[in-house]
N, C-alpha and C. Protein backbone atom coordinates (compact mmCIF):
# COMPACT_ATOMS: atom_id res chain seq x y z
N MET A 1 97.45 151.54 61.42
CA MET A 1 98.57 152.58 62.05
C MET A 1 99.09 152.79 60.73
N SER A 2 99.62 154.01 60.45
CA SER A 2 100.21 154.39 59.10
C SER A 2 101.73 154.10 59.27
N ALA A 3 102.55 154.11 58.08
CA ALA A 3 103.78 153.83 58.12
C ALA A 3 104.66 155.17 58.70
N ALA A 4 103.85 156.20 58.62
CA ALA A 4 104.38 157.61 59.25
C ALA A 4 104.31 157.37 60.55
N SER A 5 103.30 157.09 61.32
CA SER A 5 102.97 156.90 62.63
C SER A 5 104.04 155.85 63.23
N VAL A 6 104.22 154.62 62.65
CA VAL A 6 105.35 153.71 63.05
C VAL A 6 106.85 154.23 63.08
N ALA A 7 107.17 155.09 61.77
CA ALA A 7 108.36 155.60 61.81
C ALA A 7 108.79 156.66 62.92
N SER A 8 107.47 157.36 63.36
CA SER A 8 107.57 158.47 64.23
C SER A 8 107.72 157.96 65.71
N ILE A 9 107.20 156.54 65.98
CA ILE A 9 107.36 155.91 67.20
C ILE A 9 108.65 155.23 67.45
N LEU A 10 109.11 154.67 66.29
CA LEU A 10 110.50 154.41 66.13
C LEU A 10 111.59 155.31 66.38
N GLN A 11 111.52 156.35 65.89
CA GLN A 11 112.41 157.37 66.05
C GLN A 11 112.13 157.74 67.51
N SER A 12 111.02 158.19 67.97
CA SER A 12 111.23 158.42 69.59
C SER A 12 111.78 157.49 70.06
N LEU A 13 111.62 156.24 69.88
CA LEU A 13 111.81 155.09 70.68
C LEU A 13 113.62 155.06 70.90
N LYS A 14 114.08 155.36 69.57
CA LYS A 14 115.67 155.41 69.36
C LYS A 14 115.99 156.54 70.27
N MET A 15 115.43 157.71 70.17
CA MET A 15 115.74 159.09 71.08
C MET A 15 116.02 158.55 72.49
N LYS A 16 115.01 157.86 72.84
CA LYS A 16 115.09 157.37 74.54
C LYS A 16 115.97 156.31 74.71
N VAL A 17 116.39 155.57 73.95
CA VAL A 17 117.44 154.61 74.17
C VAL A 17 118.93 155.50 74.19
N LEU A 18 119.07 156.35 73.06
CA LEU A 18 120.22 157.08 73.04
C LEU A 18 120.17 158.10 74.35
N ILE A 19 119.10 158.63 74.95
CA ILE A 19 119.34 159.11 76.22
C ILE A 19 119.53 158.53 77.24
N VAL A 20 119.38 157.35 77.24
CA VAL A 20 119.61 156.22 78.51
C VAL A 20 121.01 155.86 78.36
N LEU A 21 121.40 155.36 77.19
CA LEU A 21 122.84 155.23 76.88
C LEU A 21 123.78 156.38 77.41
N THR A 22 123.42 157.30 77.13
CA THR A 22 124.10 158.49 77.14
C THR A 22 124.40 159.15 78.50
N ALA A 23 123.20 158.54 79.44
CA ALA A 23 123.27 158.83 81.05
C ALA A 23 124.20 157.81 81.44
N LEU A 24 124.11 156.51 80.96
CA LEU A 24 124.85 155.55 81.75
C LEU A 24 126.32 155.76 81.42
N VAL A 25 126.62 156.06 80.27
CA VAL A 25 128.20 156.51 79.83
C VAL A 25 128.36 157.49 80.80
N ALA A 26 127.87 158.51 81.08
CA ALA A 26 128.06 159.62 81.73
C ALA A 26 128.44 159.27 83.24
N PHE A 27 127.55 158.68 83.67
CA PHE A 27 127.61 157.91 85.11
C PHE A 27 128.63 156.93 85.30
N ALA A 28 129.03 156.09 84.47
CA ALA A 28 130.09 155.56 84.52
C ALA A 28 131.38 156.23 84.55
N ALA A 29 131.45 157.24 83.77
CA ALA A 29 132.68 158.16 83.63
C ALA A 29 132.98 158.98 85.08
N ALA A 30 131.97 159.32 85.59
CA ALA A 30 131.76 160.08 86.73
C ALA A 30 132.22 159.27 87.97
N ALA A 31 131.78 157.94 87.97
CA ALA A 31 132.07 157.00 89.00
C ALA A 31 133.65 156.74 89.13
N ALA A 32 134.31 156.52 87.77
CA ALA A 32 135.55 156.02 87.77
C ALA A 32 136.59 157.12 88.33
N LEU A 33 137.55 156.38 88.76
CA LEU A 33 138.58 157.27 89.70
C LEU A 33 139.77 157.50 88.69
N THR A 34 140.35 158.68 88.72
CA THR A 34 141.49 158.86 87.75
C THR A 34 142.67 158.33 88.36
N PRO A 35 143.51 158.16 87.57
CA PRO A 35 144.80 157.60 88.15
C PRO A 35 145.56 158.66 89.29
N GLU A 36 145.13 159.91 89.24
CA GLU A 36 145.86 160.93 90.08
C GLU A 36 144.92 160.68 91.31
N GLU A 37 143.64 160.48 91.32
CA GLU A 37 143.02 160.25 92.46
C GLU A 37 143.41 158.86 93.17
N LEU A 38 143.71 157.86 92.52
CA LEU A 38 143.99 156.74 93.22
C LEU A 38 145.42 156.78 93.59
N LYS A 39 146.23 157.66 93.05
CA LYS A 39 147.59 157.89 93.73
C LYS A 39 147.39 158.67 95.07
N MET A 40 146.43 159.50 94.82
CA MET A 40 146.30 160.30 96.35
C MET A 40 146.00 159.45 97.41
N LEU A 41 144.81 158.60 97.14
CA LEU A 41 144.57 157.55 98.07
C LEU A 41 145.66 156.73 98.72
N GLU A 42 146.63 156.32 97.58
CA GLU A 42 147.55 155.32 97.81
C GLU A 42 148.64 155.82 98.81
N ALA A 43 148.88 157.30 98.53
CA ALA A 43 149.58 157.93 99.21
C ALA A 43 149.27 158.43 100.77
N PHE A 44 148.06 158.46 100.87
CA PHE A 44 147.51 159.05 102.12
C PHE A 44 147.74 158.08 103.52
N ASP A 45 148.35 158.56 104.27
CA ASP A 45 148.61 157.73 105.45
C ASP A 45 147.44 157.47 106.63
N PHE A 46 146.77 156.38 106.14
CA PHE A 46 145.65 155.90 106.78
C PHE A 46 145.85 155.60 108.22
N ASP A 47 146.90 154.97 108.40
CA ASP A 47 147.56 154.62 109.84
C ASP A 47 147.68 155.65 110.78
N ALA A 48 148.01 156.80 110.24
CA ALA A 48 148.21 158.13 111.04
C ALA A 48 146.94 158.70 111.32
N LEU A 49 146.14 158.66 110.63
CA LEU A 49 144.47 158.98 110.65
C LEU A 49 143.82 158.23 111.72
N PHE A 50 143.90 156.85 111.54
CA PHE A 50 143.33 156.01 112.63
C PHE A 50 143.82 156.21 113.83
N ALA A 51 145.18 156.67 114.24
CA ALA A 51 145.97 156.61 115.25
C ALA A 51 145.52 158.24 116.05
N ASN A 52 144.90 159.09 115.11
CA ASN A 52 144.47 160.14 115.67
C ASN A 52 143.13 160.44 116.21
N ASP A 53 142.59 160.61 117.22
CA ASP A 53 141.23 160.47 117.59
C ASP A 53 140.24 161.74 117.07
N GLU A 54 141.17 162.89 117.07
CA GLU A 54 140.43 163.99 116.63
C GLU A 54 140.45 163.98 115.05
N GLN A 55 141.24 163.71 114.46
CA GLN A 55 141.13 163.70 112.79
C GLN A 55 140.12 162.32 112.45
N ARG A 56 140.29 161.40 113.15
CA ARG A 56 139.54 160.35 112.90
C ARG A 56 137.98 160.39 112.94
N LYS A 57 137.68 161.36 114.07
CA LYS A 57 136.43 161.72 114.20
C LYS A 57 135.78 162.59 113.28
N ILE A 58 136.68 163.52 112.63
CA ILE A 58 136.19 164.25 111.76
C ILE A 58 135.79 163.80 110.54
N VAL A 59 136.76 162.86 110.09
CA VAL A 59 136.70 161.97 109.10
C VAL A 59 135.39 160.96 108.73
N PHE A 60 135.29 160.36 110.11
CA PHE A 60 134.07 159.38 110.49
C PHE A 60 132.86 160.42 110.23
N ASP A 61 132.85 161.26 111.09
CA ASP A 61 131.65 162.07 110.83
C ASP A 61 131.15 162.80 109.57
N CYS A 62 132.36 162.99 108.71
CA CYS A 62 132.29 163.35 107.22
C CYS A 62 131.57 162.24 106.38
N MET A 63 132.41 161.15 106.63
CA MET A 63 131.84 159.98 105.76
C MET A 63 130.29 159.63 106.10
N LEU A 64 129.96 159.80 107.32
CA LEU A 64 128.34 159.48 107.60
C LEU A 64 127.57 160.71 107.35
N ASP A 65 128.05 162.11 106.83
CA ASP A 65 127.20 163.11 106.76
C ASP A 65 126.72 163.56 108.14
N LYS A 66 127.46 163.35 109.19
CA LYS A 66 127.12 163.87 110.46
C LYS A 66 128.04 164.91 110.98
N GLY A 67 128.99 165.43 110.17
CA GLY A 67 129.64 166.84 110.57
C GLY A 67 130.48 167.31 109.47
N ASP A 68 131.07 168.42 109.49
CA ASP A 68 131.86 169.12 108.47
C ASP A 68 132.95 168.21 108.14
N CYS A 69 133.43 168.29 106.97
CA CYS A 69 134.54 167.42 106.23
C CYS A 69 136.16 168.13 106.54
N GLY A 70 136.00 169.42 106.77
CA GLY A 70 137.39 170.17 107.03
C GLY A 70 138.29 170.00 105.85
N PRO A 71 139.34 169.55 106.13
CA PRO A 71 140.31 169.50 105.18
C PRO A 71 140.10 168.04 104.37
N TYR A 72 139.13 167.23 104.92
CA TYR A 72 138.93 165.65 104.57
C TYR A 72 137.94 165.54 103.45
N LYS A 73 137.54 166.58 102.83
CA LYS A 73 136.34 166.49 101.97
C LYS A 73 136.82 165.55 100.64
N GLN A 74 137.84 165.96 100.11
CA GLN A 74 138.27 165.15 99.16
C GLN A 74 138.47 163.65 99.29
N LEU A 75 139.37 163.43 100.37
CA LEU A 75 139.60 162.20 101.10
C LEU A 75 138.38 161.22 100.94
N VAL A 76 137.20 161.98 101.82
CA VAL A 76 136.00 161.16 101.67
C VAL A 76 135.40 160.89 100.47
N GLU A 77 135.41 161.77 99.64
CA GLU A 77 134.60 161.81 98.11
C GLU A 77 135.31 160.50 97.58
N LEU A 78 136.82 160.71 97.58
CA LEU A 78 137.52 159.65 96.81
C LEU A 78 137.28 158.19 97.67
N SER A 79 137.31 158.31 98.96
CA SER A 79 137.29 157.07 99.54
C SER A 79 135.69 156.49 99.04
N THR A 80 134.56 157.07 98.97
CA THR A 80 133.41 156.62 98.82
C THR A 80 133.36 156.10 97.31
N LYS A 81 134.09 156.98 96.54
CA LYS A 81 134.11 156.47 95.11
C LYS A 81 134.59 155.10 94.97
N THR A 82 135.65 154.97 95.69
CA THR A 82 136.81 153.67 95.75
C THR A 82 135.70 152.48 96.24
N VAL A 83 134.93 152.70 97.26
CA VAL A 83 134.04 151.85 97.73
C VAL A 83 133.29 151.41 96.77
N THR A 84 132.28 152.54 96.16
CA THR A 84 131.32 152.15 95.16
C THR A 84 131.75 151.38 93.93
N THR A 85 132.92 151.44 93.50
CA THR A 85 133.38 150.94 92.48
C THR A 85 134.35 149.43 92.96
N LYS A 86 134.20 149.28 94.11
CA LYS A 86 135.19 148.13 94.59
C LYS A 86 136.59 148.34 94.39
N CYS A 87 137.19 149.34 93.98
CA CYS A 87 138.56 149.53 93.81
C CYS A 87 138.78 148.94 92.19
N ALA A 88 137.75 149.13 91.51
CA ALA A 88 138.09 148.51 89.92
C ALA A 88 139.07 148.77 89.32
N ASP A 89 139.49 149.95 89.28
CA ASP A 89 140.73 150.57 88.40
C ASP A 89 142.13 150.81 89.31
N CYS A 90 141.79 149.85 90.55
CA CYS A 90 143.03 149.94 91.43
C CYS A 90 144.16 149.06 90.81
N SER A 91 145.50 149.55 90.96
CA SER A 91 146.63 148.58 90.78
C SER A 91 146.67 147.60 91.72
N PRO A 92 147.30 146.57 91.67
CA PRO A 92 147.48 145.40 92.69
C PRO A 92 147.94 146.01 94.32
N ALA A 93 148.83 146.91 94.18
CA ALA A 93 149.21 147.93 95.59
C ALA A 93 148.08 148.60 95.97
N GLN A 94 147.36 149.32 94.95
CA GLN A 94 146.19 149.96 95.69
C GLN A 94 145.10 149.31 95.99
N LYS A 95 144.88 148.03 95.51
CA LYS A 95 143.68 146.96 96.07
C LYS A 95 144.36 146.72 97.20
N THR A 96 145.48 146.23 97.55
CA THR A 96 146.01 145.86 98.86
C THR A 96 145.91 146.71 99.91
N LYS A 97 146.11 148.13 99.47
CA LYS A 97 145.69 149.25 100.50
C LYS A 97 144.28 149.43 100.88
N TYR A 98 143.49 149.23 99.79
CA TYR A 98 142.14 149.46 99.81
C TYR A 98 141.60 148.12 101.06
N ASP A 99 142.00 146.92 100.56
CA ASP A 99 141.48 145.87 101.41
C ASP A 99 141.92 146.24 103.17
N TYR A 100 143.19 146.62 103.12
CA TYR A 100 143.73 146.71 104.40
C TYR A 100 142.82 147.90 105.05
N VAL A 101 142.57 149.00 104.63
CA VAL A 101 141.63 150.29 105.09
C VAL A 101 140.38 149.55 105.51
N LEU A 102 139.88 148.71 104.60
CA LEU A 102 138.52 148.10 104.82
C LEU A 102 138.54 147.34 105.94
N LYS A 103 139.61 146.61 106.23
CA LYS A 103 139.75 145.37 107.23
C LYS A 103 139.76 146.05 108.37
N VAL A 104 140.62 147.38 108.35
CA VAL A 104 140.70 147.99 109.71
C VAL A 104 139.51 148.78 110.04
N LEU A 105 138.85 149.32 109.30
CA LEU A 105 137.67 149.90 109.48
C LEU A 105 136.34 148.72 110.15
N HIS A 106 136.39 147.71 109.42
CA HIS A 106 135.70 146.57 109.91
C HIS A 106 136.05 146.09 111.15
N ASP A 107 137.33 145.76 111.47
CA ASP A 107 137.83 145.16 112.68
C ASP A 107 137.97 146.31 113.85
N LYS A 108 137.90 147.57 113.70
CA LYS A 108 138.35 148.47 114.77
C LYS A 108 137.07 149.46 114.85
N TYR A 109 136.25 149.55 114.07
CA TYR A 109 135.31 150.51 113.79
C TYR A 109 133.96 150.42 112.98
N GLU A 110 133.79 148.93 113.68
CA GLU A 110 132.59 148.14 112.70
C GLU A 110 131.19 149.12 112.71
N PRO A 111 130.57 149.78 113.49
CA PRO A 111 129.40 150.46 113.25
C PRO A 111 129.61 151.37 112.15
N VAL A 112 130.92 152.23 112.00
CA VAL A 112 131.05 153.13 111.18
C VAL A 112 131.25 152.42 109.93
N TYR A 113 132.02 151.43 109.74
CA TYR A 113 131.89 150.67 108.67
C TYR A 113 130.98 150.17 107.84
N THR A 114 129.83 149.64 108.91
CA THR A 114 128.47 149.12 108.21
C THR A 114 127.75 150.08 107.81
N GLU A 115 127.69 151.37 108.50
CA GLU A 115 126.94 152.71 108.08
C GLU A 115 127.64 153.20 106.66
N PHE A 116 128.82 153.29 106.58
CA PHE A 116 129.64 153.77 105.63
C PHE A 116 129.36 153.04 104.38
N LEU A 117 129.13 151.75 104.40
CA LEU A 117 129.03 150.80 103.18
C LEU A 117 127.55 151.03 102.63
N LYS A 118 126.85 151.22 103.70
CA LYS A 118 125.11 151.45 103.33
C LYS A 118 124.97 152.74 102.55
N LYS A 119 125.92 153.50 103.15
CA LYS A 119 125.59 154.81 102.45
C LYS A 119 126.26 154.96 100.91
N ALA A 120 127.70 154.33 100.84
CA ALA A 120 128.24 154.21 99.68
C ALA A 120 127.30 153.24 98.68
N ASN A 121 126.86 152.34 99.22
CA ASN A 121 126.14 151.43 98.07
C ASN A 121 124.74 152.09 97.84
N ALA A 122 124.17 153.00 98.62
CA ALA A 122 123.00 153.72 98.24
C ALA A 122 123.26 154.68 97.34
N LYS A 123 124.68 155.18 97.17
CA LYS A 123 124.98 156.13 96.23
C LYS A 123 125.20 155.32 94.70
N LYS A 124 125.34 154.05 94.82
CA LYS A 124 125.67 153.32 93.60
C LYS A 124 123.94 153.31 92.86
N GLU A 125 122.96 153.10 93.63
CA GLU A 125 121.82 152.88 92.95
C GLU A 125 121.20 154.13 92.51
């Protein structure tokens, strides 16, 4: 094998590694929530949502891709991102709210909780 062939193979390998690293960085950036998005989730009244049967059904159907999201599309997208990142960028107060919402989902709406986590974890992969 000539030196030119080896150099060509190495150059090709370097490009492939660069492409993979770029894709990983782009994926990580896309998965991270902005401080503004985290503040929106922190300010959202999940208790009021859980107490309203009609709104809760819309959100749950949206979370599970079983219905239209209506005005809750962004809420569901941000909630999914938060679950896939396990609230990694959350402040302590945001993490407390995240844990609370997941506990309510688990304790009161376990089938939705289980299916939503499966869906969110599938998006991570």
